[in-house]
C-alpha atoms as a PDB file:
ATOM      1  CA  UNK A   1     -14.794  -6.093  13.777  1.00  0.00           C
ATOM      2  CA  UNK A   2     -15.207  -6.681  10.193  1.00  0.00           C
ATOM      3  CA  UNK A   3     -16.627 -10.286   9.717  1.00  0.00           C
ATOM      4  CA  UNK A   4     -18.318 -11.997   7.245  1.00  0.00           C
ATOM      5  CA  UNK A   5     -22.068 -11.714   7.278  1.00  0.00           C
ATOM      6  CA  UNK A   6     -24.455 -14.658   8.786  1.00  0.00           C
ATOM      7  CA  UNK A   7     -27.991 -15.149   8.203  1.00  0.00           C
ATOM      8  CA  UNK A   8     -29.132 -13.189  11.772  1.00  0.00           C
ATOM      9  CA  UNK A   9     -27.374 -10.035  10.093  1.00  0.00           C
ATOM     10  CA  UNK A  10     -30.221  -9.900   6.960  1.00  0.00           C
ATOM     11  CA  UNK A  11     -32.259  -7.509   8.953  1.00  0.00           C
ATOM     12  CA  UNK A  12     -29.730  -5.167  10.008  1.00  0.00           C
ATOM     13  CA  UNK A  13     -28.308  -5.765   5.872  1.00  0.00           C
ATOM     14  CA  UNK A  14     -31.771  -4.419   4.712  1.00  0.00           C
ATOM     15  CA  UNK A  15     -31.989  -1.335   6.994  1.00  0.00           C
ATOM     16  CA  UNK A  16     -28.421  -0.448   5.558  1.00  0.00           C
ATOM     17  CA  UNK A  17     -29.808  -1.173   2.146  1.00  0.00           C
ATOM     18  CA  UNK A  18     -33.136   1.409   2.438  1.00  0.00           C
ATOM     19  CA  UNK A  19     -30.112   3.863   3.663  1.00  0.00           C
ATOM     20  CA  UNK A  20     -27.712   3.504   0.856  1.00  0.00           C
ATOM     21  CA  UNK A  21     -31.154   3.676  -1.782  1.00  0.00           C
ATOM     22  CA  UNK A  22     -32.526   6.504   0.136  1.00  0.00           C
ATOM     23  CA  UNK A  23     -29.450   8.549  -0.706  1.00  0.00           C
ATOM     24  CA  UNK A  24     -29.306   7.526  -4.336  1.00  0.00           C
ATOM     25  CA  UNK A  25     -33.478   8.352  -4.496  1.00  0.00           C
ATOM     26  CA  UNK A  26     -32.967  11.997  -3.400  1.00  0.00           C
ATOM     27  CA  UNK A  27     -29.520  12.495  -5.711  1.00  0.00           C
ATOM     28  CA  UNK A  28     -31.802  10.842  -8.885  1.00  0.00           C
ATOM     29  CA  UNK A  29     -35.311   9.720  -7.559  1.00  0.00           C
ATOM     30  CA  UNK A  30     -36.236   9.342 -12.075  1.00  0.00           C
ATOM     31  CA  UNK A  31     -33.607   6.545 -11.124  1.00  0.00           C
ATOM     32  CA  UNK A  32     -34.283   5.118  -7.560  1.00  0.00           C
ATOM     33  CA  UNK A  33     -37.524   4.620  -5.984  1.00  0.00           C
ATOM     34  CA  UNK A  34     -37.774   5.342  -2.361  1.00  0.00           C
ATOM     35  CA  UNK A  35     -38.388   2.413   0.398  1.00  0.00           C
ATOM     36  CA  UNK A  36     -36.911  -0.411  -2.372  1.00  0.00           C
ATOM     37  CA  UNK A  37     -33.760  -1.951  -1.659  1.00  0.00           C
ATOM     38  CA  UNK A  38     -31.506  -3.940  -4.396  1.00  0.00           C
ATOM     39  CA  UNK A  39     -31.840  -7.232  -2.500  1.00  0.00           C
ATOM     40  CA  UNK A  40     -34.804  -8.765  -0.976  1.00  0.00           C
ATOM     41  CA  UNK A  41     -34.563 -10.909   2.109  1.00  0.00           C
ATOM     42  CA  UNK A  42     -34.656 -13.770   0.045  1.00  0.00           C
ATOM     43  CA  UNK A  43     -32.161 -12.880  -2.046  1.00  0.00           C
ATOM     44  CA  UNK A  44     -29.913 -12.437   0.273  1.00  0.00           C
ATOM     45  CA  UNK A  45     -29.920 -15.790   2.333  1.00  0.00           C
ATOM     46  CA  UNK A  46     -29.164 -16.967  -1.345  1.00  0.00           C
ATOM     47  CA  UNK A  47     -26.348 -14.468  -1.685  1.00  0.00           C
ATOM     48  CA  UNK A  48     -24.668 -15.262   1.969  1.00  0.00           C
ATOM     49  CA  UNK A  49     -24.614 -19.177   0.479  1.00  0.00           C
ATOM     50  CA  UNK A  50     -22.274 -18.090  -2.655  1.00  0.00           C
ATOM     51  CA  UNK A  51     -18.980 -18.308  -1.275  1.00  0.00           C
ATOM     52  CA  UNK A  52     -17.830 -16.689  -5.076  1.00  0.00           C
ATOM     53  CA  UNK A  53     -19.968 -13.580  -3.679  1.00  0.00           C
ATOM     54  CA  UNK A  54     -18.827 -13.204   0.183  1.00  0.00           C
ATOM     55  CA  UNK A  55     -20.821 -10.519   2.091  1.00  0.00           C
ATOM     56  CA  UNK A  56     -19.068  -8.612   5.234  1.00  0.00           C
ATOM     57  CA  UNK A  57     -20.173  -6.385   7.560  1.00  0.00           C
ATOM     58  CA  UNK A  58     -18.653  -4.108  10.034  1.00  0.00           C
ATOM     59  CA  UNK A  59     -20.284  -5.541  13.646  1.00  0.00           C
ATOM     60  CA  UNK A  60     -20.008  -2.669  16.865  1.00  0.00           C
ATOM     61  CA  UNK A  61     -22.313  -4.434  18.904  1.00  0.00           C
ATOM     62  CA  UNK A  62     -24.805  -3.893  16.177  1.00  0.00           C
ATOM     63  CA  UNK A  63     -24.300  -4.233  12.111  1.00  0.00           C
ATOM     64  CA  UNK A  64     -23.196  -0.829  11.343  1.00  0.00           C
ATOM     65  CA  UNK A  65     -21.518  -1.590   7.602  1.00  0.00           C
ATOM     66  CA  UNK A  66     -22.058  -3.816   5.285  1.00  0.00           C
ATOM     67  CA  UNK A  67     -19.347  -4.549   2.093  1.00  0.00           C
ATOM     68  CA  UNK A  68     -20.937  -6.837  -0.689  1.00  0.00           C
ATOM     69  CA  UNK A  69     -17.662  -8.955  -2.794  1.00  0.00           C
ATOM     70  CA  UNK A  70     -17.219 -11.064  -6.108  1.00  0.00           C
ATOM     71  CA  UNK A  71     -14.355 -13.489  -6.438  1.00  0.00           C
ATOM     72  CA  UNK A  72     -13.591 -13.582 -10.046  1.00  0.00           C
ATOM     73  CA  UNK A  73     -10.414 -15.237 -11.442  1.00  0.00           C
ATOM     74  CA  UNK A  74      -8.728 -13.072 -14.208  1.00  0.00           C
ATOM     75  CA  UNK A  75      -6.812 -14.721 -16.919  1.00  0.00           C
ATOM     76  CA  UNK A  76      -4.691 -13.009 -19.330  1.00  0.00           C
ATOM     77  CA  UNK A  77      -2.890 -14.328 -21.928  1.00  0.00           C
ATOM     78  CA  UNK A  78       0.254 -12.339 -23.000  1.00  0.00           C
ATOM     79  CA  UNK A  79       1.575 -12.784 -26.536  1.00  0.00           C
ATOM     80  CA  UNK A  80       4.770 -15.006 -26.452  1.00  0.00           C
ATOM     81  CA  UNK A  81       6.702 -11.664 -27.381  1.00  0.00           C
ATOM     82  CA  UNK A  82       5.588  -9.616 -24.759  1.00  0.00           C
ATOM     83  CA  UNK A  83       6.188 -12.158 -22.382  1.00  0.00           C
ATOM     84  CA  UNK A  84       9.551 -12.640 -23.307  1.00  0.00           C
ATOM     85  CA  UNK A  85      10.460  -9.204 -23.074  1.00  0.00           C
ATOM     86  CA  UNK A  86      10.716  -8.529 -26.614  1.00  0.00           C
ATOM     87  CA  UNK A  87       8.408  -5.605 -27.579  1.00  0.00           C
ATOM     88  CA  UNK A  88       7.177  -5.091 -31.578  1.00  0.00           C
END
């Protein structure tokens, strides 16, 4: 089941972040240090409270995956000639 992450998921998310980092480290050790993660536990706790950056987990009795999301609003201003269907 995919669900929104909660504080009790932080440890499992940290373990997954370590796994992802190690995959990157093996390929690019010059860019990725071993035994590190993009976020620490305190940063994850803050992110979990941020509605504009929801975190989801795949839970099958244990957390097996995660998705970090960012909700943004894109406003496009269109020139009048394009909005009326007239192309210059």
